[in-house]
C-alpha cells in the first residue's frame, strides 16, 4: 500500500542496480583505506624512498593495481592526500574569512583556518612539506596549494594597503604573510607537542603589524 492507504506498486531494485551500488561502495571503501594508509605511512616513513605505492598498497591491504586504478600515480595519490587533509582540516571554513566585511577579523579567521588545517594530521603534513624539497612532482603539488594560499592572502591584504596612507609594497607584505601562515611557522612556534592553534594570536598580531593595522 502507498501512503494514502491504497494499493501501490513497490519498484524492486534490479540485480544490476544492486551490484553497481555494491561496487561503488567497495571502491569508496578501498579509496578510504588507501588514503588512510598513505597518511599513516607519511607520518612514519624514515626516508622518501619508504613512501611507495607498493608500501601504501601493503599498508592498506589492497592490490597495487587498485592504487594505480584509483590514483594513477604517486603524484596523483599525494594530490588526493592533500585534498583529504583539506577536508579533515576544515578548509571549507575559509569562506568565513572572505565573507567577513572587517579586514582584521577576516585575516585572523584565515590564519585560524590554516592552524586547524595544519593541525589535522601534523606528522603527515610535516612529511609532505619535507618531500616537496626532494621531489619535483611533490613540489609541484605543494606549490600549487601554497599559490592558492598566496592568492587568498593577497585578497585579504588589499584593504589594508588601500586604507594605509603610507606607500606600501603589497607584494612584499603578501610574501611575509605567506611565510607567517606556513606550516613551518606554525610547527616551529607551537613546538613538537604544542597545539598549532595556540600560535594564532601571535601570528595574527605579527600579520597586523606587517599590514600597518596597529599603526
N, C-alpha and C. Protein backbone atom coordinates (compact mmCIF):
# COMPACT_ATOMS: atom_id res chain seq x y z
N UNK A 1 0.85 -1.20 0.00
CA UNK A 1 0.00 0.00 0.00
C UNK A 1 0.88 1.25 0.00
N UNK A 2 0.34 2.32 -0.62
CA UNK A 2 1.09 3.56 -0.60
C UNK A 2 0.68 4.39 0.60
N UNK A 3 1.20 5.65 0.72
CA UNK A 3 0.95 6.47 1.90
C UNK A 3 -0.52 6.82 2.07
N UNK A 4 -1.33 6.79 1.02
CA UNK A 4 -2.75 7.13 1.12
C UNK A 4 -3.57 5.96 1.60
N UNK A 5 -2.94 4.79 1.73
CA UNK A 5 -3.66 3.62 2.20
C UNK A 5 -4.18 2.76 1.08
N UNK A 6 -4.01 3.19 -0.16
CA UNK A 6 -4.48 2.41 -1.29
C UNK A 6 -3.36 1.54 -1.82
N UNK A 7 -3.70 0.47 -2.51
CA UNK A 7 -2.66 -0.41 -3.03
C UNK A 7 -1.70 0.35 -3.92
N UNK A 8 -0.47 0.06 -3.81
CA UNK A 8 0.54 0.72 -4.63
C UNK A 8 1.55 -0.29 -5.13
N UNK A 9 2.41 0.18 -6.00
CA UNK A 9 3.41 -0.69 -6.58
C UNK A 9 4.77 -0.34 -6.02
N UNK A 10 5.46 -1.31 -5.48
CA UNK A 10 6.80 -1.11 -4.97
C UNK A 10 7.78 -1.56 -6.03
N UNK A 11 8.61 -0.64 -6.46
CA UNK A 11 9.57 -0.95 -7.52
C UNK A 11 10.80 -1.62 -6.92
N UNK A 12 11.03 -2.84 -7.31
CA UNK A 12 12.16 -3.59 -6.78
C UNK A 12 13.45 -3.14 -7.46
N UNK A 13 14.53 -3.17 -6.68
CA UNK A 13 15.84 -2.83 -7.24
C UNK A 13 16.33 -4.00 -8.10
N UNK A 14 16.78 -3.68 -9.28
CA UNK A 14 17.27 -4.72 -10.18
C UNK A 14 18.62 -5.24 -9.69
N UNK A 15 18.96 -6.48 -10.04
CA UNK A 15 20.27 -7.02 -9.67
C UNK A 15 21.42 -6.13 -10.14
N UNK A 16 21.25 -5.53 -11.32
CA UNK A 16 22.32 -4.67 -11.86
C UNK A 16 22.50 -3.43 -10.99
N UNK A 17 21.38 -2.81 -10.57
CA UNK A 17 21.47 -1.63 -9.71
C UNK A 17 22.12 -1.99 -8.38
N UNK A 18 21.73 -3.14 -7.84
CA UNK A 18 22.28 -3.58 -6.55
C UNK A 18 23.79 -3.80 -6.66
N UNK A 19 24.18 -4.49 -7.72
CA UNK A 19 25.60 -4.79 -7.91
C UNK A 19 26.42 -3.53 -8.14
N UNK A 20 25.83 -2.56 -8.88
CA UNK A 20 26.51 -1.30 -9.13
C UNK A 20 26.71 -0.53 -7.83
N UNK A 21 25.66 -0.49 -7.01
CA UNK A 21 25.77 0.20 -5.72
C UNK A 21 26.78 -0.46 -4.82
N UNK A 22 26.80 -1.78 -4.83
CA UNK A 22 27.76 -2.52 -4.01
C UNK A 22 29.18 -2.26 -4.49
N UNK A 23 29.36 -2.22 -5.81
CA UNK A 23 30.68 -1.97 -6.39
C UNK A 23 31.17 -0.57 -6.04
N UNK A 24 30.26 0.40 -6.12
CA UNK A 24 30.62 1.78 -5.78
C UNK A 24 31.06 1.89 -4.33
N UNK A 25 30.34 1.21 -3.44
CA UNK A 25 30.69 1.23 -2.02
C UNK A 25 32.05 0.59 -1.79
N UNK A 26 32.34 -0.47 -2.52
CA UNK A 26 33.63 -1.14 -2.38
C UNK A 26 34.78 -0.25 -2.85
N UNK A 27 34.53 0.47 -3.94
CA UNK A 27 35.55 1.39 -4.46
C UNK A 27 35.83 2.51 -3.46
N UNK A 28 34.77 3.06 -2.89
CA UNK A 28 34.93 4.13 -1.91
C UNK A 28 35.64 3.63 -0.66
N UNK A 29 35.33 2.41 -0.26
CA UNK A 29 35.98 1.83 0.91
C UNK A 29 37.47 1.62 0.66
N UNK A 30 37.81 1.09 -0.50
CA UNK A 30 39.23 0.87 -0.81
C UNK A 30 39.97 2.19 -0.95
N UNK A 31 39.29 3.20 -1.50
CA UNK A 31 39.91 4.53 -1.61
C UNK A 31 40.21 5.09 -0.23
N UNK A 32 39.27 4.92 0.69
CA UNK A 32 39.46 5.40 2.05
C UNK A 32 40.62 4.67 2.73
N UNK A 33 40.70 3.37 2.50
CA UNK A 33 41.78 2.57 3.07
C UNK A 33 43.14 3.05 2.56
N UNK A 34 43.21 3.35 1.27
CA UNK A 34 44.47 3.79 0.67
C UNK A 34 44.87 5.15 1.22
N UNK A 35 43.92 6.08 1.31
CA UNK A 35 44.23 7.41 1.83
C UNK A 35 44.68 7.35 3.28
N UNK A 36 43.99 6.56 4.08
CA UNK A 36 44.38 6.41 5.49
C UNK A 36 45.77 5.79 5.60
N UNK A 37 46.03 4.80 4.75
CA UNK A 37 47.34 4.15 4.77
C UNK A 37 48.44 5.11 4.34
N UNK A 38 48.16 5.91 3.32
CA UNK A 38 49.14 6.88 2.84
C UNK A 38 49.48 7.90 3.91
N UNK A 39 48.45 8.40 4.59
CA UNK A 39 48.69 9.38 5.65
C UNK A 39 49.49 8.77 6.79
N UNK A 40 49.17 7.53 7.15
CA UNK A 40 49.90 6.86 8.22
C UNK A 40 51.35 6.63 7.83
N UNK A 41 51.56 6.21 6.60
CA UNK A 41 52.91 5.93 6.13
C UNK A 41 53.74 7.20 6.01
N UNK A 42 53.11 8.28 5.61
CA UNK A 42 53.82 9.56 5.54
C UNK A 42 54.35 9.97 6.90
N UNK A 43 53.58 9.69 7.93
CA UNK A 43 53.99 10.06 9.28
C UNK A 43 55.06 9.15 9.86
N UNK A 44 55.26 8.00 9.23
CA UNK A 44 56.18 7.01 9.79
C UNK A 44 57.44 6.79 8.96
N UNK A 45 57.38 7.07 7.66
CA UNK A 45 58.48 6.72 6.76
C UNK A 45 59.78 7.38 7.21
N UNK A 46 60.85 6.57 7.24
CA UNK A 46 62.15 7.09 7.65
C UNK A 46 62.84 7.85 6.51
N UNK A 47 62.42 7.58 5.31
CA UNK A 47 63.02 8.26 4.16
C UNK A 47 61.98 8.42 3.07
N UNK A 48 62.29 9.25 2.10
CA UNK A 48 61.37 9.46 0.99
C UNK A 48 61.11 8.15 0.27
N UNK A 49 62.14 7.34 0.15
CA UNK A 49 62.01 6.08 -0.60
C UNK A 49 61.11 5.09 0.12
N UNK A 50 60.81 5.32 1.39
CA UNK A 50 59.91 4.43 2.12
C UNK A 50 58.46 4.63 1.75
N UNK A 51 58.16 5.76 1.12
CA UNK A 51 56.79 6.04 0.70
C UNK A 51 56.63 5.67 -0.76
N UNK A 52 56.18 4.47 -1.01
CA UNK A 52 55.98 3.98 -2.37
C UNK A 52 54.56 3.47 -2.52
N UNK A 53 54.13 3.32 -3.75
CA UNK A 53 52.78 2.78 -3.98
C UNK A 53 52.68 1.35 -3.47
N UNK A 54 53.77 0.61 -3.58
CA UNK A 54 53.77 -0.75 -3.05
C UNK A 54 53.57 -0.74 -1.53
N UNK A 55 54.28 0.17 -0.86
CA UNK A 55 54.18 0.24 0.59
C UNK A 55 52.78 0.68 1.02
N UNK A 56 52.21 1.63 0.29
CA UNK A 56 50.86 2.10 0.60
C UNK A 56 49.84 0.98 0.39
N UNK A 57 49.98 0.26 -0.72
CA UNK A 57 49.06 -0.84 -1.01
C UNK A 57 49.13 -1.91 0.07
N UNK A 58 50.35 -2.22 0.50
CA UNK A 58 50.52 -3.23 1.55
C UNK A 58 49.88 -2.77 2.85
N UNK A 59 50.09 -1.50 3.21
CA UNK A 59 49.51 -0.97 4.45
C UNK A 59 47.99 -0.94 4.36
N UNK A 60 47.46 -0.63 3.20
CA UNK A 60 46.01 -0.55 3.01
C UNK A 60 45.37 -1.91 2.83
N UNK A 61 46.20 -2.93 2.64
CA UNK A 61 45.71 -4.30 2.40
C UNK A 61 44.88 -4.36 1.12
N UNK A 62 45.40 -3.72 0.08
CA UNK A 62 44.76 -3.79 -1.23
C UNK A 62 45.83 -4.11 -2.26
N UNK A 63 45.40 -4.50 -3.44
CA UNK A 63 46.35 -4.79 -4.51
C UNK A 63 46.99 -3.51 -5.02
N UNK A 64 48.23 -3.61 -5.47
CA UNK A 64 48.92 -2.45 -6.03
C UNK A 64 48.14 -1.88 -7.20
N UNK A 65 47.51 -2.76 -7.98
CA UNK A 65 46.72 -2.33 -9.13
C UNK A 65 45.55 -1.45 -8.70
N UNK A 66 45.03 -1.68 -7.51
CA UNK A 66 43.92 -0.88 -7.00
C UNK A 66 44.36 0.57 -6.79
N UNK A 67 45.56 0.73 -6.25
CA UNK A 67 46.10 2.07 -6.02
C UNK A 67 46.31 2.78 -7.36
N UNK A 68 46.85 2.08 -8.33
CA UNK A 68 47.07 2.66 -9.65
C UNK A 68 45.74 3.01 -10.32
N UNK A 69 44.77 2.14 -10.17
CA UNK A 69 43.47 2.36 -10.81
C UNK A 69 42.80 3.63 -10.28
N UNK A 70 42.91 3.84 -8.98
CA UNK A 70 42.21 4.97 -8.38
C UNK A 70 43.00 6.27 -8.43
N UNK A 71 44.32 6.19 -8.37
CA UNK A 71 45.11 7.42 -8.25
C UNK A 71 46.11 7.63 -9.39
N UNK A 72 46.29 6.64 -10.25
CA UNK A 72 47.11 6.74 -11.48
C UNK A 72 48.62 6.76 -11.23
N UNK A 73 49.05 7.50 -10.19
CA UNK A 73 50.48 7.65 -9.95
C UNK A 73 50.71 8.07 -8.51
N UNK A 74 51.98 8.12 -8.15
CA UNK A 74 52.34 8.59 -6.81
C UNK A 74 51.93 10.04 -6.61
N UNK A 75 52.12 10.84 -7.65
CA UNK A 75 51.70 12.24 -7.57
C UNK A 75 50.19 12.35 -7.40
N UNK A 76 49.45 11.55 -8.15
CA UNK A 76 48.00 11.56 -8.02
C UNK A 76 47.55 11.19 -6.63
N UNK A 77 48.25 10.23 -6.03
CA UNK A 77 47.92 9.83 -4.66
C UNK A 77 48.22 10.97 -3.69
N UNK A 78 49.36 11.63 -3.86
CA UNK A 78 49.71 12.73 -2.97
C UNK A 78 48.73 13.89 -3.11
N UNK A 79 48.27 14.16 -4.31
CA UNK A 79 47.26 15.20 -4.51
C UNK A 79 45.98 14.84 -3.77
N UNK A 80 45.59 13.57 -3.85
CA UNK A 80 44.39 13.12 -3.15
C UNK A 80 44.57 13.21 -1.64
N UNK A 81 45.77 12.91 -1.16
CA UNK A 81 46.05 13.02 0.27
C UNK A 81 45.92 14.48 0.71
N UNK A 82 46.45 15.40 -0.09
CA UNK A 82 46.33 16.83 0.24
C UNK A 82 44.86 17.26 0.27
N UNK A 83 44.09 16.80 -0.69
CA UNK A 83 42.66 17.13 -0.70
C UNK A 83 41.96 16.55 0.52
N UNK A 84 42.35 15.34 0.89
CA UNK A 84 41.75 14.68 2.06
C UNK A 84 42.11 15.44 3.34
N UNK A 85 43.33 15.91 3.42
CA UNK A 85 43.75 16.72 4.57
C UNK A 85 42.97 18.03 4.62
N UNK A 86 42.68 18.59 3.45
CA UNK A 86 41.90 19.82 3.40
C UNK A 86 40.51 19.63 3.97
N UNK A 87 39.90 18.48 3.66
CA UNK A 87 38.57 18.17 4.20
C UNK A 87 38.66 17.97 5.70
N UNK A 88 39.65 17.18 6.13
CA UNK A 88 39.81 16.90 7.56
C UNK A 88 40.13 18.16 8.35
N UNK A 89 40.88 19.07 7.71
CA UNK A 89 41.28 20.30 8.39
C UNK A 89 40.28 21.43 8.27
N UNK A 90 39.15 21.19 7.63
CA UNK A 90 38.10 22.19 7.58
C UNK A 90 38.41 23.41 6.73
N UNK A 91 39.13 23.24 5.64
CA UNK A 91 39.44 24.39 4.79
C UNK A 91 38.20 25.02 4.16
N UNK A 92 37.10 24.30 4.16
CA UNK A 92 35.85 24.87 3.65
C UNK A 92 35.41 26.07 4.48
N UNK A 93 35.93 26.16 5.71
CA UNK A 93 35.59 27.27 6.59
C UNK A 93 36.25 28.58 6.15
N UNK A 94 37.14 28.52 5.17
CA UNK A 94 37.78 29.74 4.68
C UNK A 94 36.77 30.74 4.14
N UNK A 95 35.61 30.26 3.75
CA UNK A 95 34.58 31.16 3.23
C UNK A 95 34.22 32.22 4.26
N UNK A 96 34.35 31.89 5.54
CA UNK A 96 34.05 32.85 6.60
C UNK A 96 35.01 34.03 6.56
N UNK A 97 36.25 33.75 6.21
CA UNK A 97 37.24 34.83 6.13
C UNK A 97 36.93 35.77 4.97
N UNK A 98 36.54 35.20 3.85
CA UNK A 98 36.33 36.02 2.66
C UNK A 98 34.96 36.69 2.62
N UNK A 99 34.09 36.33 3.54
CA UNK A 99 32.78 36.99 3.61
C UNK A 99 32.68 37.93 4.80
N UNK A 100 33.75 38.02 5.57
CA UNK A 100 33.77 38.93 6.71
C UNK A 100 34.11 40.34 6.21
N UNK A 101 33.25 41.32 6.45
CA UNK A 101 33.49 42.66 5.92
C UNK A 101 34.60 43.42 6.66
N UNK A 102 35.00 42.93 7.83
CA UNK A 102 36.04 43.61 8.61
C UNK A 102 37.40 43.01 8.28
N UNK A 103 38.33 43.81 7.76
CA UNK A 103 39.61 43.28 7.28
C UNK A 103 40.42 42.49 8.31
N UNK A 104 40.58 43.04 9.52
CA UNK A 104 41.42 42.37 10.51
C UNK A 104 40.81 41.07 11.02
N UNK A 105 39.52 41.06 11.41
CA UNK A 105 38.91 39.77 11.79
C UNK A 105 38.92 38.76 10.65
N UNK A 106 38.79 39.24 9.42
CA UNK A 106 38.82 38.33 8.27
C UNK A 106 40.18 37.66 8.16
N UNK A 107 41.24 38.45 8.32
CA UNK A 107 42.59 37.91 8.26
C UNK A 107 42.84 36.93 9.40
N UNK A 108 42.36 37.28 10.59
CA UNK A 108 42.52 36.39 11.74
C UNK A 108 41.80 35.07 11.53
N UNK A 109 40.62 35.12 10.93
CA UNK A 109 39.88 33.89 10.62
C UNK A 109 40.65 33.03 9.62
N UNK A 110 41.25 33.67 8.64
CA UNK A 110 42.06 32.95 7.65
C UNK A 110 43.21 32.23 8.34
N UNK A 111 43.88 32.93 9.23
CA UNK A 111 45.01 32.34 9.97
C UNK A 111 44.54 31.18 10.84
N UNK A 112 43.41 31.34 11.49
CA UNK A 112 42.86 30.28 12.34
C UNK A 112 42.48 29.05 11.51
N UNK A 113 41.95 29.28 10.32
CA UNK A 113 41.60 28.16 9.44
C UNK A 113 42.83 27.34 9.08
N UNK A 114 43.92 28.03 8.80
CA UNK A 114 45.12 27.28 8.44
C UNK A 114 45.76 26.61 9.65
N UNK A 115 45.57 27.17 10.83
CA UNK A 115 46.03 26.47 12.03
C UNK A 115 45.32 25.13 12.17
N UNK A 116 44.01 25.13 11.95
CA UNK A 116 43.25 23.88 12.03
C UNK A 116 43.66 22.92 10.92
N UNK A 117 43.90 23.47 9.74
CA UNK A 117 44.31 22.63 8.61
C UNK A 117 45.66 21.97 8.88
N UNK A 118 46.65 22.77 9.28
CA UNK A 118 47.97 22.22 9.55
C UNK A 118 47.93 21.21 10.70
N UNK A 119 47.02 21.41 11.63
CA UNK A 119 46.92 20.54 12.80
C UNK A 119 46.25 19.21 12.48
N UNK A 120 45.51 19.14 11.38
CA UNK A 120 44.67 17.97 11.07
C UNK A 120 45.45 16.66 11.11
N UNK A 121 46.63 16.64 10.55
CA UNK A 121 47.50 15.45 10.59
C UNK A 121 48.93 15.96 10.52
N UNK A 122 49.41 16.41 11.65
CA UNK A 122 50.70 17.10 11.69
C UNK A 122 51.86 16.24 11.19
N UNK A 123 51.98 14.98 11.59
CA UNK A 123 53.09 14.17 11.08
C UNK A 123 53.07 14.03 9.55
N UNK A 124 51.90 13.76 8.99
CA UNK A 124 51.79 13.62 7.54
C UNK A 124 52.07 14.95 6.85
N UNK A 125 51.59 16.04 7.44
CA UNK A 125 51.80 17.35 6.85
C UNK A 125 53.29 17.70 6.85
N UNK A 126 53.95 17.41 7.96
CA UNK A 126 55.38 17.70 8.06
C UNK A 126 56.15 16.92 6.99
N UNK A 127 55.76 15.67 6.80
CA UNK A 127 56.44 14.82 5.82
C UNK A 127 56.20 15.31 4.39
N UNK A 128 54.98 15.68 4.10
CA UNK A 128 54.66 16.18 2.77
C UNK A 128 55.48 17.42 2.43
N UNK A 129 55.57 18.33 3.39
CA UNK A 129 56.31 19.56 3.15
C UNK A 129 57.80 19.27 2.95
N UNK A 130 58.32 18.29 3.69
CA UNK A 130 59.73 17.93 3.54
C UNK A 130 59.98 17.26 2.19
N UNK A 131 59.05 16.43 1.77
CA UNK A 131 59.20 15.74 0.48
C UNK A 131 59.21 16.72 -0.68
N UNK A 132 58.55 17.86 -0.50
CA UNK A 132 58.48 18.85 -1.57
C UNK A 132 59.86 19.38 -1.93
N UNK A 133 60.78 19.33 -0.98
CA UNK A 133 62.14 19.81 -1.24
C UNK A 133 62.99 18.76 -1.95
N UNK A 134 62.49 17.53 -2.01
CA UNK A 134 63.27 16.43 -2.56
C UNK A 134 62.75 15.89 -3.89
N UNK A 135 61.49 16.11 -4.14
CA UNK A 135 60.85 15.51 -5.31
C UNK A 135 60.11 16.59 -6.10
N UNK A 136 60.40 16.70 -7.38
CA UNK A 136 59.80 17.77 -8.19
C UNK A 136 58.29 17.62 -8.33
N UNK A 137 57.81 16.38 -8.40
CA UNK A 137 56.37 16.16 -8.52
C UNK A 137 55.64 16.59 -7.24
N UNK A 138 56.21 16.21 -6.11
CA UNK A 138 55.62 16.61 -4.83
C UNK A 138 55.70 18.12 -4.67
N UNK A 139 56.82 18.68 -5.10
CA UNK A 139 56.99 20.14 -5.03
C UNK A 139 55.89 20.85 -5.81
N UNK A 140 55.56 20.31 -6.98
CA UNK A 140 54.51 20.92 -7.80
C UNK A 140 53.16 20.87 -7.09
N UNK A 141 52.87 19.75 -6.43
CA UNK A 141 51.61 19.60 -5.70
C UNK A 141 51.52 20.61 -4.56
N UNK A 142 52.58 20.70 -3.77
CA UNK A 142 52.59 21.60 -2.61
C UNK A 142 52.62 23.06 -3.06
N UNK A 143 53.40 23.36 -4.10
CA UNK A 143 53.49 24.74 -4.58
C UNK A 143 52.15 25.26 -5.08
N UNK A 144 51.40 24.39 -5.75
CA UNK A 144 50.08 24.80 -6.25
C UNK A 144 49.17 25.19 -5.10
N UNK A 145 49.25 24.46 -4.01
CA UNK A 145 48.42 24.78 -2.84
C UNK A 145 48.92 26.02 -2.11
N UNK A 146 50.23 26.20 -2.08
CA UNK A 146 50.78 27.43 -1.50
C UNK A 146 50.39 28.65 -2.33
N UNK A 147 50.32 28.47 -3.63
CA UNK A 147 49.90 29.57 -4.51
C UNK A 147 48.46 29.99 -4.21
N UNK A 148 47.61 29.03 -3.92
CA UNK A 148 46.23 29.36 -3.57
C UNK A 148 46.18 30.14 -2.26
N UNK A 149 47.04 29.76 -1.33
CA UNK A 149 47.09 30.49 -0.05
C UNK A 149 47.59 31.91 -0.29
N UNK A 150 48.58 32.04 -1.17
CA UNK A 150 49.10 33.37 -1.50
C UNK A 150 48.01 34.24 -2.13
N UNK A 151 47.23 33.67 -3.02
CA UNK A 151 46.15 34.42 -3.66
C UNK A 151 45.11 34.87 -2.64
N UNK A 152 44.80 34.00 -1.71
CA UNK A 152 43.84 34.37 -0.66
C UNK A 152 44.37 35.49 0.21
N UNK A 153 45.64 35.41 0.56
CA UNK A 153 46.25 36.46 1.38
C UNK A 153 46.29 37.79 0.65
N UNK A 154 46.52 37.75 -0.66
CA UNK A 154 46.53 38.99 -1.44
C UNK A 154 45.17 39.68 -1.39
N UNK A 155 44.11 38.88 -1.46
CA UNK A 155 42.75 39.44 -1.38
C UNK A 155 42.52 40.08 -0.02
N UNK A 156 42.94 39.39 1.04
CA UNK A 156 42.69 39.87 2.40
C UNK A 156 43.59 41.05 2.77
N UNK A 157 44.76 41.13 2.14
CA UNK A 157 45.69 42.22 2.46
C UNK A 157 45.36 43.51 1.71
N UNK A 158 44.66 43.40 0.60
CA UNK A 158 44.38 44.56 -0.24
C UNK A 158 43.69 45.71 0.49
N UNK A 159 42.68 45.45 1.35
CA UNK A 159 42.01 46.56 2.03
C UNK A 159 42.95 47.36 2.94
N UNK A 160 43.95 46.69 3.52
CA UNK A 160 44.90 47.39 4.38
C UNK A 160 45.76 48.35 3.56
N UNK A 161 46.19 47.92 2.39
CA UNK A 161 47.00 48.77 1.52
C UNK A 161 46.20 49.97 1.04
N UNK A 162 44.92 49.76 0.80
CA UNK A 162 44.05 50.83 0.32
C UNK A 162 43.83 51.88 1.40
N UNK A 163 43.70 51.43 2.64
CA UNK A 163 43.39 52.34 3.74
C UNK A 163 44.63 52.98 4.36
N UNK A 164 45.81 52.42 4.08
CA UNK A 164 47.03 52.93 4.68
C UNK A 164 47.54 54.11 3.86
N UNK A 165 47.69 55.28 4.49
CA UNK A 165 48.14 56.46 3.74
C UNK A 165 49.58 56.36 3.27
N UNK A 166 50.37 55.53 3.93
CA UNK A 166 51.77 55.37 3.53
C UNK A 166 51.85 54.46 2.31
N UNK A 167 52.87 54.69 1.52
CA UNK A 167 53.07 53.83 0.35
C UNK A 167 53.57 52.47 0.81
N UNK A 168 52.91 51.41 0.38
CA UNK A 168 53.28 50.07 0.82
C UNK A 168 53.58 49.19 -0.38
N UNK A 169 54.36 48.16 -0.12
CA UNK A 169 54.66 47.16 -1.14
C UNK A 169 53.78 45.95 -0.84
N UNK A 170 52.64 45.86 -1.52
CA UNK A 170 51.68 44.80 -1.24
C UNK A 170 52.28 43.42 -1.51
N UNK A 171 53.06 43.31 -2.58
CA UNK A 171 53.66 42.02 -2.90
C UNK A 171 54.58 41.54 -1.77
N UNK A 172 55.34 42.47 -1.23
CA UNK A 172 56.24 42.12 -0.12
C UNK A 172 55.43 41.71 1.11
N UNK A 173 54.36 42.44 1.39
CA UNK A 173 53.52 42.10 2.53
C UNK A 173 52.93 40.70 2.38
N UNK A 174 52.48 40.39 1.19
CA UNK A 174 51.89 39.06 0.95
C UNK A 174 52.93 37.97 1.10
N UNK A 175 54.16 38.23 0.67
CA UNK A 175 55.22 37.23 0.84
C UNK A 175 55.49 36.97 2.32
N UNK A 176 55.46 38.03 3.11
CA UNK A 176 55.66 37.87 4.55
C UNK A 176 54.50 37.10 5.17
N UNK A 177 53.29 37.45 4.76
CA UNK A 177 52.10 36.75 5.28
C UNK A 177 52.12 35.28 4.89
N UNK A 178 52.61 35.00 3.68
CA UNK A 178 52.70 33.61 3.23
C UNK A 178 53.64 32.82 4.14
N UNK A 179 54.75 33.44 4.51
CA UNK A 179 55.69 32.78 5.42
C UNK A 179 55.08 32.62 6.80
N UNK A 180 54.37 33.63 7.26
CA UNK A 180 53.76 33.59 8.60
C UNK A 180 52.71 32.50 8.72
N UNK A 181 51.98 32.25 7.65
CA UNK A 181 50.88 31.28 7.70
C UNK A 181 51.28 29.90 7.20
N UNK A 182 52.57 29.69 6.99
CA UNK A 182 53.04 28.39 6.51
C UNK A 182 53.01 27.35 7.63
N UNK A 183 53.00 26.10 7.23
CA UNK A 183 53.06 25.01 8.22
C UNK A 183 54.33 25.13 9.05
N UNK A 184 55.44 25.46 8.39
CA UNK A 184 56.72 25.52 9.07
C UNK A 184 56.71 26.53 10.21
N UNK A 185 56.07 27.69 9.99
CA UNK A 185 56.00 28.70 11.04
C UNK A 185 55.15 28.21 12.21
N UNK A 186 53.98 27.69 11.92
CA UNK A 186 53.12 27.17 12.99
C UNK A 186 53.81 26.04 13.74
N UNK A 187 54.44 25.14 13.00
CA UNK A 187 55.09 23.98 13.60
C UNK A 187 56.21 24.40 14.54
N UNK A 188 56.99 25.40 14.12
CA UNK A 188 58.09 25.88 14.94
C UNK A 188 57.59 26.61 16.18
N UNK A 189 56.59 27.46 16.01
CA UNK A 189 56.09 28.25 17.13
C UNK A 189 55.39 27.40 18.18
N UNK A 190 54.69 26.37 17.74
CA UNK A 190 53.96 25.52 18.69
C UNK A 190 54.87 24.54 19.40
N UNK A 191 56.02 24.22 18.80
CA UNK A 191 56.89 23.22 19.40
C UNK A 191 56.40 21.82 19.06
N UNK A 192 57.19 20.80 19.38
CA UNK A 192 56.86 19.43 18.97
C UNK A 192 55.56 18.89 19.54
N UNK A 193 55.18 19.34 20.72
CA UNK A 193 53.98 18.79 21.37
C UNK A 193 52.86 19.81 21.56
N UNK A 194 53.06 21.03 21.07
CA UNK A 194 52.06 22.07 21.28
C UNK A 194 50.92 22.02 20.28
N UNK A 195 49.87 22.76 20.59
CA UNK A 195 48.72 22.88 19.70
C UNK A 195 48.97 24.05 18.76
N UNK A 196 48.90 23.80 17.47
CA UNK A 196 49.17 24.86 16.50
C UNK A 196 48.22 26.04 16.66
N UNK A 197 47.01 25.76 17.12
CA UNK A 197 46.03 26.84 17.25
C UNK A 197 46.47 27.86 18.30
N UNK A 198 47.32 27.45 19.23
CA UNK A 198 47.81 28.38 20.25
C UNK A 198 48.69 29.47 19.66
N UNK A 199 49.21 29.23 18.47
CA UNK A 199 50.07 30.22 17.82
C UNK A 199 49.28 31.28 17.06
N UNK A 200 47.98 31.09 16.92
CA UNK A 200 47.17 32.01 16.13
C UNK A 200 47.25 33.46 16.62
N UNK A 201 47.07 33.74 17.93
CA UNK A 201 47.12 35.15 18.36
C UNK A 201 48.44 35.84 18.03
N UNK A 202 49.54 35.13 18.22
CA UNK A 202 50.85 35.73 17.95
C UNK A 202 51.02 35.99 16.45
N UNK A 203 50.70 35.00 15.64
CA UNK A 203 50.84 35.15 14.19
C UNK A 203 49.90 36.24 13.67
N UNK A 204 48.68 36.28 14.19
CA UNK A 204 47.73 37.31 13.78
C UNK A 204 48.23 38.70 14.17
N UNK A 205 48.86 38.79 15.34
CA UNK A 205 49.41 40.08 15.78
C UNK A 205 50.54 40.55 14.89
N UNK A 206 51.43 39.63 14.53
CA UNK A 206 52.54 39.98 13.64
C UNK A 206 52.00 40.38 12.26
N UNK A 207 51.02 39.64 11.79
CA UNK A 207 50.42 39.94 10.49
C UNK A 207 49.80 41.34 10.49
N UNK A 208 49.13 41.68 11.57
CA UNK A 208 48.51 43.00 11.68
C UNK A 208 49.57 44.10 11.63
N UNK A 209 50.70 43.85 12.29
CA UNK A 209 51.79 44.82 12.28
C UNK A 209 52.37 44.98 10.87
N UNK A 210 52.54 43.86 10.18
CA UNK A 210 53.07 43.89 8.81
C UNK A 210 52.18 44.74 7.91
N UNK A 211 50.87 44.65 8.13
CA UNK A 211 49.91 45.37 7.28
C UNK A 211 49.62 46.78 7.78
N UNK A 212 50.27 47.17 8.87
CA UNK A 212 50.06 48.52 9.40
C UNK A 212 48.76 48.69 10.14
N UNK A 213 48.13 47.59 10.55
CA UNK A 213 46.84 47.68 11.23
C UNK A 213 46.98 48.15 12.66
N UNK A 214 48.20 48.08 13.20
CA UNK A 214 48.43 48.51 14.58
C UNK A 214 48.94 49.94 14.66
N UNK A 215 49.05 50.55 13.49
CA UNK A 215 49.61 51.91 13.46
C UNK A 215 48.61 52.91 14.03
